[in-house]
Amino acid sequence: MLNQNLREWIEEHWGKVSASVQETKLRILRGVFVKLTFLHSKRILNRDIKPKNILLNEHCQPVITDFETPEQTKVMISVTL
């Protein structure tokens, strides 16, 4: 289940410095990096990477969204690594 996008999460947690929030920030960043690296290795690009287009599940694992296919249809791609 996807709970919120990264923009909403940032607004909710901005300025908080607890260890759990810092750990979650790193988990999100690592997840985005790994998933983008994988997608790029498959020659899949997303030209609209922004916090609003990164959804977070209940464990704050990112799901990158808003891919446009050649037919200009928006799709969501979830990469589990």
Protein backbone atom coordinates (compact mmCIF):
# COMPACT_ATOMS: atom_id res chain seq x y z
CA MET A 1 0.00 0.00 0.00
CA LEU A 2 1.37 3.41 -0.94
CA ASN A 3 0.85 5.90 1.87
CA GLN A 4 2.18 9.23 0.62
CA ASN A 5 4.58 10.81 -1.80
CA LEU A 6 8.06 11.97 -0.91
CA ARG A 7 7.06 15.64 -0.99
CA GLU A 8 4.42 15.04 1.69
CA TRP A 9 6.89 13.03 3.76
CA ILE A 10 9.51 15.81 3.57
CA GLU A 11 6.96 18.44 4.61
CA GLU A 12 5.90 16.28 7.56
CA HIS A 13 9.44 15.46 8.75
CA TRP A 14 11.39 18.60 7.77
CA GLY A 15 13.77 19.66 10.52
CA LYS A 16 13.37 16.51 12.61
CA VAL A 17 16.73 15.07 13.58
CA SER A 18 15.89 11.93 15.53
CA ALA A 19 17.90 8.82 14.72
CA SER A 20 14.85 7.06 13.24
CA VAL A 21 14.09 9.98 10.90
CA GLN A 22 17.73 10.16 9.80
CA GLU A 23 17.72 6.41 9.15
CA THR A 24 14.51 6.71 7.14
CA LYS A 25 15.98 9.56 5.05
CA LEU A 26 18.95 7.35 4.17
CA ARG A 27 16.68 4.39 3.35
CA ILE A 28 14.63 6.56 0.99
CA LEU A 29 17.70 8.06 -0.72
CA ARG A 30 19.34 4.66 -1.09
CA GLY A 31 16.15 3.18 -2.52
CA VAL A 32 15.74 5.98 -5.07
CA PHE A 33 19.38 5.69 -6.10
CA VAL A 34 19.29 1.90 -6.49
CA LYS A 35 16.04 1.95 -8.45
CA LEU A 36 17.13 4.75 -10.79
CA THR A 37 20.46 3.01 -11.37
CA PHE A 38 18.65 -0.21 -12.26
CA LEU A 39 16.20 1.55 -14.58
CA HIS A 40 19.02 3.44 -16.32
CA SER A 41 20.92 0.18 -16.82
CA LYS A 42 17.85 -1.05 -18.73
CA ARG A 43 17.81 2.21 -20.73
CA ILE A 44 14.58 3.36 -19.07
CA LEU A 45 14.49 7.05 -18.30
CA ASN A 46 12.12 9.19 -16.30
CA ARG A 47 12.25 12.84 -17.32
CA ASP A 48 10.16 14.02 -14.40
CA ILE A 49 11.93 12.89 -11.23
CA LYS A 50 10.66 15.00 -8.33
CA PRO A 51 9.46 14.27 -4.80
CA LYS A 52 5.82 14.33 -5.86
CA ASN A 53 6.47 11.45 -8.30
CA ILE A 54 8.16 9.22 -5.71
CA LEU A 55 5.61 7.33 -3.66
CA LEU A 56 6.42 5.71 -0.33
CA ASN A 57 4.96 2.49 1.00
CA GLU A 58 4.29 1.80 4.68
CA HIS A 59 8.00 0.99 5.18
CA CYS A 60 9.11 4.21 3.42
CA GLN A 61 10.44 2.26 0.46
CA PRO A 62 10.22 4.44 -2.66
CA VAL A 63 8.25 3.63 -5.80
CA ILE A 64 9.15 5.79 -8.78
CA THR A 65 6.12 6.85 -10.83
CA ASP A 66 5.03 8.96 -13.77
CA PHE A 67 6.81 7.21 -16.62
CA GLU A 68 5.61 8.09 -20.07
CA THR A 69 5.71 5.28 -22.58
CA PRO A 70 6.19 5.90 -26.28
CA GLU A 71 2.40 5.96 -26.57
CA GLN A 72 2.40 8.84 -24.03
CA THR A 73 0.53 6.74 -21.49
CA LYS A 74 1.55 7.32 -17.90
CA VAL A 75 2.47 4.19 -15.99
CA MET A 76 3.85 3.31 -12.58
CA ILE A 77 6.90 1.09 -12.29
CA SER A 78 7.80 -0.54 -9.01
CA VAL A 79 11.21 -2.13 -8.88
CA THR A 80 11.85 -4.55 -6.06
CA LEU A 81 15.53 -5.19 -5.48
